[in-house]
Amino acid sequence: FPRLKEFILNQDWNDPKSQLQQCCLTLRTEGKEPDIPLYKTLQTVGPSHARTYTVAVYFKGERIGCGKGPSIQQAEMGAAMDALEKYNFPQMAHQKRFIERKYRQELKEMRWEREHQEKEPDETEDIKK
């Protein structure tokens, strides 16, 4: 479990669709039903064994991202990544800064340890030569 803490702090466990949904939920209006991202398949191309799907994601009626993939799920993931890159979700940047500030030293130490663990096999091979 040496990378578990870094995995959690970097939110690598959180796939793009989940991140997008969290971002959209934080923008909800008090007392109203929360707006969630809606995915719509725009196009299906190719034979049944080699299809390519194009999916768009909408938030509050606005198209915020688009993605393609060999399955609807992968196309939705691509659309969510596109939306996260293009749409301004200020809480994502705030959350990242907060985590980096709070755990800066721990993250530095974890990265340093990982870099040195990756270098050790190279140094061992150099010694053998």
C-alpha atoms as a PDB file:
ATOM      1  CA  PHE A   1       0.000   0.000   0.000  1.00  0.00           C
ATOM      2  CA  PRO A   2       2.856   2.485  -0.412  1.00  0.00           C
ATOM      3  CA  ARG A   3       1.008   4.555  -3.021  1.00  0.00           C
ATOM      4  CA  LEU A   4      -2.443   4.372  -1.449  1.00  0.00           C
ATOM      5  CA  LYS A   5      -2.274   7.777   0.249  1.00  0.00           C
ATOM      6  CA  GLU A   6      -1.034   9.478  -2.936  1.00  0.00           C
ATOM      7  CA  PHE A   7      -3.747   7.647  -4.889  1.00  0.00           C
ATOM      8  CA  ILE A   8      -6.402   9.061  -2.559  1.00  0.00           C
ATOM      9  CA  LEU A   9      -4.924  12.568  -2.360  1.00  0.00           C
ATOM     10  CA  ASN A  10      -4.669  12.829  -6.149  1.00  0.00           C
ATOM     11  CA  GLN A  11      -8.193  11.430  -6.453  1.00  0.00           C
ATOM     12  CA  ASP A  12      -7.026   8.851  -8.989  1.00  0.00           C
ATOM     13  CA  TRP A  13      -9.852   6.607  -7.768  1.00  0.00           C
ATOM     14  CA  ASN A  14     -12.418   9.106  -9.009  1.00  0.00           C
ATOM     15  CA  ASP A  15     -13.316   8.499 -12.661  1.00  0.00           C
ATOM     16  CA  PRO A  16     -14.233  11.482 -14.903  1.00  0.00           C
ATOM     17  CA  LYS A  17     -17.996  10.840 -14.771  1.00  0.00           C
ATOM     18  CA  SER A  18     -17.946  10.805 -10.967  1.00  0.00           C
ATOM     19  CA  GLN A  19     -15.814  13.957 -10.836  1.00  0.00           C
ATOM     20  CA  LEU A  20     -18.168  15.726 -13.222  1.00  0.00           C
ATOM     21  CA  GLN A  21     -21.214  14.711 -11.205  1.00  0.00           C
ATOM     22  CA  GLN A  22     -19.594  15.955  -7.982  1.00  0.00           C
ATOM     23  CA  CYS A  23     -18.755  19.275  -9.639  1.00  0.00           C
ATOM     24  CA  CYS A  24     -22.292  19.695 -10.930  1.00  0.00           C
ATOM     25  CA  LEU A  25     -23.808  18.834  -7.549  1.00  0.00           C
ATOM     26  CA  THR A  26     -21.711  21.513  -5.826  1.00  0.00           C
ATOM     27  CA  LEU A  27     -23.286  24.122  -8.119  1.00  0.00           C
ATOM     28  CA  ARG A  28     -26.841  23.294  -7.025  1.00  0.00           C
ATOM     29  CA  THR A  29     -29.231  25.999  -5.914  1.00  0.00           C
ATOM     30  CA  GLU A  30     -30.504  25.844  -2.315  1.00  0.00           C
ATOM     31  CA  GLY A  31     -33.954  24.346  -1.979  1.00  0.00           C
ATOM     32  CA  LYS A  32     -34.068  23.023  -5.544  1.00  0.00           C
ATOM     33  CA  GLU A  33     -33.464  19.623  -7.039  1.00  0.00           C
ATOM     34  CA  PRO A  34     -29.779  19.365  -7.983  1.00  0.00           C
ATOM     35  CA  ASP A  35     -28.873  19.551 -11.652  1.00  0.00           C
ATOM     36  CA  ILE A  36     -26.902  16.533 -12.765  1.00  0.00           C
ATOM     37  CA  PRO A  37     -25.040  15.958 -16.022  1.00  0.00           C
ATOM     38  CA  LEU A  38     -27.117  14.257 -18.697  1.00  0.00           C
ATOM     39  CA  TYR A  39     -25.515  12.107 -21.391  1.00  0.00           C
ATOM     40  CA  LYS A  40     -27.016  11.763 -24.856  1.00  0.00           C
ATOM     41  CA  THR A  41     -25.798   9.458 -27.615  1.00  0.00           C
ATOM     42  CA  LEU A  42     -25.485  11.614 -30.735  1.00  0.00           C
ATOM     43  CA  GLN A  43     -24.168   9.123 -33.244  1.00  0.00           C
ATOM     44  CA  THR A  44     -23.465   5.437 -33.733  1.00  0.00           C
ATOM     45  CA  VAL A  45     -21.216   4.551 -36.660  1.00  0.00           C
ATOM     46  CA  GLY A  46     -19.894   1.265 -38.003  1.00  0.00           C
ATOM     47  CA  PRO A  47     -20.880  -2.387 -38.081  1.00  0.00           C
ATOM     48  CA  SER A  48     -22.080  -4.084 -34.879  1.00  0.00           C
ATOM     49  CA  HIS A  49     -18.655  -5.624 -34.193  1.00  0.00           C
ATOM     50  CA  ALA A  50     -16.750  -2.318 -34.586  1.00  0.00           C
ATOM     51  CA  ARG A  51     -19.031   0.545 -33.591  1.00  0.00           C
ATOM     52  CA  THR A  52     -17.951   4.017 -32.596  1.00  0.00           C
ATOM     53  CA  TYR A  53     -20.261   6.021 -30.375  1.00  0.00           C
ATOM     54  CA  THR A  54     -20.381   9.795 -30.041  1.00  0.00           C
ATOM     55  CA  VAL A  55     -21.860  11.066 -26.788  1.00  0.00           C
ATOM     56  CA  ALA A  56     -22.463  14.614 -25.549  1.00  0.00           C
ATOM     57  CA  VAL A  57     -22.904  15.663 -21.932  1.00  0.00           C
ATOM     58  CA  TYR A  58     -25.291  18.461 -20.973  1.00  0.00           C
ATOM     59  CA  PHE A  59     -25.527  20.497 -17.777  1.00  0.00           C
ATOM     60  CA  LYS A  60     -28.420  22.879 -17.149  1.00  0.00           C
ATOM     61  CA  GLY A  61     -29.426  22.482 -20.791  1.00  0.00           C
ATOM     62  CA  GLU A  62     -25.988  23.483 -22.096  1.00  0.00           C
ATOM     63  CA  ARG A  63     -23.721  21.106 -23.971  1.00  0.00           C
ATOM     64  CA  ILE A  64     -20.454  21.107 -22.035  1.00  0.00           C
ATOM     65  CA  GLY A  65     -18.548  18.171 -23.518  1.00  0.00           C
ATOM     66  CA  CYS A  66     -18.380  15.532 -26.204  1.00  0.00           C
ATOM     67  CA  GLY A  67     -16.571  12.202 -26.487  1.00  0.00           C
ATOM     68  CA  LYS A  68     -16.142   9.199 -28.758  1.00  0.00           C
ATOM     69  CA  GLY A  69     -15.391   5.578 -27.994  1.00  0.00           C
ATOM     70  CA  PRO A  70     -15.944   1.940 -28.900  1.00  0.00           C
ATOM     71  CA  SER A  71     -18.652   1.683 -26.231  1.00  0.00           C
ATOM     72  CA  ILE A  72     -21.242   4.089 -24.871  1.00  0.00           C
ATOM     73  CA  GLN A  73     -19.539   3.999 -21.450  1.00  0.00           C
ATOM     74  CA  GLN A  74     -16.139   4.931 -22.898  1.00  0.00           C
ATOM     75  CA  ALA A  75     -17.714   7.689 -24.998  1.00  0.00           C
ATOM     76  CA  GLU A  76     -19.417   9.043 -21.847  1.00  0.00           C
ATOM     77  CA  MET A  77     -16.073   9.002 -20.002  1.00  0.00           C
ATOM     78  CA  GLY A  78     -14.547  10.952 -22.898  1.00  0.00           C
ATOM     79  CA  ALA A  79     -17.407  13.455 -22.812  1.00  0.00           C
ATOM     80  CA  ALA A  80     -16.965  13.901 -19.047  1.00  0.00           C
ATOM     81  CA  MET A  81     -13.190  14.457 -19.438  1.00  0.00           C
ATOM     82  CA  ASP A  82     -13.867  16.991 -22.193  1.00  0.00           C
ATOM     83  CA  ALA A  83     -16.368  18.810 -19.968  1.00  0.00           C
ATOM     84  CA  LEU A  84     -13.965  18.861 -17.003  1.00  0.00           C
ATOM     85  CA  GLU A  85     -11.269  20.383 -19.207  1.00  0.00           C
ATOM     86  CA  LYS A  86     -13.476  22.956 -20.949  1.00  0.00           C
ATOM     87  CA  TYR A  87     -16.146  23.969 -18.429  1.00  0.00           C
ATOM     88  CA  ASN A  88     -15.137  26.239 -15.559  1.00  0.00           C
ATOM     89  CA  PHE A  89     -15.632  24.308 -12.323  1.00  0.00           C
ATOM     90  CA  PRO A  90     -13.885  26.562  -9.778  1.00  0.00           C
ATOM     91  CA  GLN A  91     -14.320  24.049  -6.963  1.00  0.00           C
ATOM     92  CA  MET A  92     -12.015  21.552  -8.722  1.00  0.00           C
ATOM     93  CA  ALA A  93      -9.129  24.003  -8.737  1.00  0.00           C
ATOM     94  CA  HIS A  94      -9.917  25.014  -5.149  1.00  0.00           C
ATOM     95  CA  GLN A  95     -10.039  21.397  -4.010  1.00  0.00           C
ATOM     96  CA  LYS A  96      -6.728  20.591  -5.717  1.00  0.00           C
ATOM     97  CA  ARG A  97      -5.029  23.652  -4.162  1.00  0.00           C
ATOM     98  CA  PHE A  98      -6.433  22.785  -0.721  1.00  0.00           C
ATOM     99  CA  ILE A  99      -5.138  19.217  -0.881  1.00  0.00           C
ATOM    100  CA  GLU A 100      -1.759  20.334  -2.207  1.00  0.00           C
ATOM    101  CA  ARG A 101      -1.353  22.923   0.559  1.00  0.00           C
ATOM    102  CA  LYS A 102      -2.557  20.658   3.350  1.00  0.00           C
ATOM    103  CA  TYR A 103      -0.523  17.632   2.303  1.00  0.00           C
ATOM    104  CA  ARG A 104       2.362  19.343   0.441  1.00  0.00           C
ATOM    105  CA  GLN A 105       5.140  17.854   2.556  1.00  0.00           C
ATOM    106  CA  GLU A 106       3.638  14.360   2.555  1.00  0.00           C
ATOM    107  CA  LEU A 107       3.156  14.437  -1.219  1.00  0.00           C
ATOM    108  CA  LYS A 108       6.768  15.592  -1.701  1.00  0.00           C
ATOM    109  CA  GLU A 109       8.025  12.742   0.465  1.00  0.00           C
ATOM    110  CA  MET A 110       5.891  10.172  -1.355  1.00  0.00           C
ATOM    111  CA  ARG A 111       7.084  11.384  -4.770  1.00  0.00           C
ATOM    112  CA  TRP A 112      10.707  11.413  -3.594  1.00  0.00           C
ATOM    113  CA  GLU A 113      10.397   7.840  -2.297  1.00  0.00           C
ATOM    114  CA  ARG A 114       8.776   6.668  -5.536  1.00  0.00           C
ATOM    115  CA  GLU A 115      11.478   8.303  -7.670  1.00  0.00           C
ATOM    116  CA  HIS A 116      14.211   6.689  -5.617  1.00  0.00           C
ATOM    117  CA  GLN A 117      12.520   3.277  -5.712  1.00  0.00           C
ATOM    118  CA  GLU A 118      12.323   3.530  -9.510  1.00  0.00           C
ATOM    119  CA  LYS A 119      16.024   4.467  -9.732  1.00  0.00           C
ATOM    120  CA  GLU A 120      17.236   1.584  -7.542  1.00  0.00           C
ATOM    121  CA  PRO A 121      16.822  -1.140 -10.211  1.00  0.00           C
ATOM    122  CA  ASP A 122      18.770   1.008 -12.700  1.00  0.00           C
ATOM    123  CA  GLU A 123      21.605   1.521 -10.212  1.00  0.00           C
ATOM    124  CA  THR A 124      21.706  -2.219  -9.484  1.00  0.00           C
ATOM    125  CA  GLU A 125      22.036  -2.978 -13.209  1.00  0.00           C
ATOM    126  CA  ASP A 126      24.846  -0.395 -13.537  1.00  0.00           C
ATOM    127  CA  ILE A 127      26.735  -2.043 -10.671  1.00  0.00           C
ATOM    128  CA  LYS A 128      26.392  -5.487 -12.322  1.00  0.00           C
ATOM    129  CA  LYS A 129      27.869  -4.157 -15.568  1.00  0.00           C
END
